[in-house]
Amino acid sequence: MFQLSSTMAGTIDLGAPGFYIIGVNTGSAGPSPFAGIGQPNVIFNTVIRINKVGASTVNGHNLTPSFAGDTFDVWVPLSFLPAAANGFTPIDYGFNIWPRSGAGGTEVISDFAPNNANLTAVPEPASWALMIGGLALAGGMMRRRVARVAFA
C-alpha cells in the first residue's frame, strides 16, 4: 500500500473547484507518451484522480483522501495499480503530481508537470524501524562480548 501525500503552497480550499492528478509509472509506460505536447520526461501508465469533493479514483477503484490545511493524503493499495513491468518493483515506481483547475479544455495543460520531476516511493516507517532495531540488536550483541582472561 502506498501513502501518497502532497503539500501545496497554500491552504487547499475544498469549496473551490479543482482536483489533483497523480501519474504513476509502474514500468510499462512508453518511453515518452507526452513528447508530442512538449513533455518528454513525463512518463506514466496509470492516473490517480484526487477530487476535493466526491469520489476519488484509480483504475475504477474508489479512494478516500483526507485534506488538512495545505496537505492531502491518500492510501492506494498496490493491487489497484497495474502490475509492475520491465524489472520494476514498487520501490521503483515513479509518481508525478499536478493540480488541475477543473476548467476543462486543453488550455489547462500548460503547466502539465512543469518541473518534469518523477518522485519515487519512500520506505515505510515500519521498514526503517525494523532495520534500526536489527542494527541495535547486532550492536548490543557485539558490545556484550566480554574478553576472558585465562590463567595458565
Protein backbone atom coordinates (compact mmCIF):
# COMPACT_ATOMS: atom_id res chain seq x y z
CA MET A 1 0.00 0.00 0.00
CA PHE A 2 1.26 3.46 -0.90
CA GLN A 3 0.58 6.56 1.16
CA LEU A 4 0.64 9.49 -1.23
CA SER A 5 0.89 12.87 0.43
CA SER A 6 1.34 16.30 -1.08
CA THR A 7 1.77 19.73 0.43
CA MET A 8 0.62 22.72 -1.62
CA ALA A 9 1.89 26.31 -1.47
CA GLY A 10 -1.31 27.45 0.26
CA THR A 11 -4.39 26.16 2.03
CA ILE A 12 -6.48 23.75 -0.02
CA ASP A 13 -9.93 25.33 -0.40
CA LEU A 14 -12.41 22.46 -0.52
CA GLY A 15 -15.13 24.88 -1.63
CA ALA A 16 -13.29 25.87 -4.82
CA PRO A 17 -13.43 23.65 -7.90
CA GLY A 18 -10.41 21.57 -8.74
CA PHE A 19 -8.73 18.22 -8.40
CA TYR A 20 -5.28 16.65 -8.34
CA ILE A 21 -3.86 14.16 -10.81
CA ILE A 22 -1.08 11.74 -9.86
CA GLY A 23 0.56 9.90 -12.74
CA VAL A 24 2.12 6.56 -11.79
CA ASN A 25 4.78 4.74 -13.82
CA THR A 26 4.92 1.05 -12.92
CA GLY A 27 7.43 0.31 -15.67
CA SER A 28 5.14 -0.40 -18.60
CA ALA A 29 4.69 3.18 -19.81
CA GLY A 30 6.02 4.07 -23.22
CA PRO A 31 9.35 5.89 -23.47
CA SER A 32 7.75 9.36 -23.83
CA PRO A 33 3.96 9.23 -24.19
CA PHE A 34 3.65 13.02 -23.85
CA ALA A 35 6.57 14.09 -26.05
CA GLY A 36 4.03 15.33 -28.61
CA ILE A 37 2.93 18.12 -26.26
CA GLY A 38 6.47 19.07 -25.25
CA GLN A 39 6.81 16.92 -22.12
CA PRO A 40 9.25 14.11 -23.00
CA ASN A 41 10.20 13.42 -19.36
CA VAL A 42 6.66 12.78 -18.11
CA ILE A 43 6.17 9.02 -18.15
CA PHE A 44 3.25 7.15 -16.56
CA ASN A 45 0.84 4.35 -17.37
CA THR A 46 -1.99 5.00 -14.93
CA VAL A 47 -3.67 8.01 -13.34
CA ILE A 48 -4.94 8.58 -9.81
CA ARG A 49 -7.57 11.33 -9.62
CA ILE A 50 -7.96 13.04 -6.23
CA ASN A 51 -11.15 15.11 -6.07
CA LYS A 52 -11.63 17.75 -3.40
CA VAL A 53 -15.28 16.72 -3.15
CA GLY A 54 -16.77 13.43 -4.31
CA ALA A 55 -15.22 10.15 -5.31
CA SER A 56 -11.50 9.90 -5.95
CA THR A 57 -10.46 7.01 -8.18
CA VAL A 58 -7.71 4.88 -9.67
CA ASN A 59 -8.49 2.27 -12.34
CA GLY A 60 -12.16 2.07 -11.33
CA HIS A 61 -11.47 1.75 -7.60
CA ASN A 62 -12.65 4.39 -5.14
CA LEU A 63 -10.19 6.11 -2.81
CA THR A 64 -10.79 8.25 0.27
CA PRO A 65 -8.36 11.16 0.51
CA SER A 66 -8.03 13.36 3.58
CA PHE A 67 -7.37 17.10 3.46
CA ALA A 68 -5.85 19.22 6.23
CA GLY A 69 -4.75 22.79 5.63
CA ASP A 70 -2.29 22.76 2.74
CA THR A 71 -1.87 18.96 2.60
CA PHE A 72 -3.74 15.97 1.26
CA ASP A 73 -3.12 12.27 1.90
CA VAL A 74 -4.50 9.18 0.20
CA TRP A 75 -3.74 5.48 0.66
CA VAL A 76 -3.56 3.45 -2.56
CA PRO A 77 -3.45 -0.36 -2.37
CA LEU A 78 -0.81 -1.85 -4.64
CA SER A 79 -3.47 -4.12 -6.17
CA PHE A 80 -5.25 -1.03 -7.61
CA LEU A 81 -2.22 -0.23 -9.82
CA PRO A 82 -1.12 -2.06 -12.98
CA ALA A 83 1.33 -4.88 -12.46
CA ALA A 84 4.99 -3.92 -12.42
CA ALA A 85 6.87 -4.46 -15.68
CA ASN A 86 10.38 -4.23 -17.10
CA GLY A 87 12.04 -5.25 -13.84
CA PHE A 88 10.28 -2.58 -11.77
CA THR A 89 9.35 -3.26 -8.15
CA PRO A 90 7.05 -0.95 -6.16
CA ILE A 91 10.08 0.95 -4.80
CA ASP A 92 10.97 1.81 -8.44
CA TYR A 93 7.56 3.29 -9.30
CA GLY A 94 7.60 6.93 -10.37
CA PHE A 95 4.94 9.44 -9.31
CA ASN A 96 4.15 12.81 -10.86
CA ILE A 97 1.51 15.17 -9.42
CA TRP A 98 -0.14 18.30 -10.71
CA PRO A 99 -3.18 20.26 -9.56
CA ARG A 100 -5.95 20.96 -12.07
CA SER A 101 -8.42 23.82 -12.04
CA GLY A 102 -11.27 21.72 -13.38
CA ALA A 103 -11.96 24.33 -16.07
CA GLY A 104 -11.76 21.77 -18.88
CA GLY A 105 -10.18 22.02 -22.30
CA THR A 106 -6.54 21.60 -23.25
CA GLU A 107 -5.57 25.13 -22.22
CA VAL A 108 -5.23 23.93 -18.64
CA ILE A 109 -2.40 21.59 -19.65
CA SER A 110 0.07 24.48 -19.99
CA ASP A 111 1.54 23.74 -16.56
CA PHE A 112 1.49 19.99 -17.13
CA ALA A 113 4.29 18.63 -14.93
CA PRO A 114 6.27 21.89 -15.06
CA ASN A 115 9.40 20.51 -13.40
CA ASN A 116 9.35 17.11 -15.09
CA ALA A 117 10.26 15.54 -11.75
CA ASN A 118 9.48 11.92 -11.04
CA LEU A 119 9.24 11.06 -7.36
CA THR A 120 9.99 7.60 -6.07
CA ALA A 121 8.42 5.68 -3.24
CA VAL A 122 9.93 6.02 0.22
CA PRO A 123 10.16 3.00 2.56
CA GLU A 124 7.50 2.88 5.25
CA PRO A 125 8.46 3.88 8.82
CA ALA A 126 7.99 0.25 9.89
CA SER A 127 10.74 -0.81 7.46
CA TRP A 128 13.08 1.78 8.91
CA ALA A 129 12.19 0.72 12.46
CA LEU A 130 12.91 -2.92 11.64
CA MET A 131 16.29 -2.04 10.15
CA ILE A 132 17.27 0.22 13.07
CA GLY A 133 16.12 -2.43 15.56
CA GLY A 134 18.24 -5.06 13.81
CA LEU A 135 21.30 -2.81 13.86
CA ALA A 136 20.76 -2.04 17.56
CA LEU A 137 20.46 -5.74 18.34
CA ALA A 138 23.65 -6.54 16.41
CA GLY A 139 25.47 -3.69 18.17
CA GLY A 140 24.25 -4.92 21.55
CA MET A 141 25.48 -8.44 20.84
CA MET A 142 28.91 -7.14 19.83
CA ARG A 143 29.10 -4.98 22.94
CA ARG A 144 28.10 -7.89 25.13
CA ARG A 145 31.13 -9.90 24.12
CA VAL A 146 33.48 -9.95 27.06
CA ALA A 147 37.17 -10.65 26.79
CA ARG A 148 38.07 -13.54 29.07
CA VAL A 149 41.41 -13.89 30.73
CA ALA A 150 42.81 -17.38 31.07
CA PHE A 151 45.46 -18.22 33.66
CA ALA A 152 47.97 -20.97 32.97
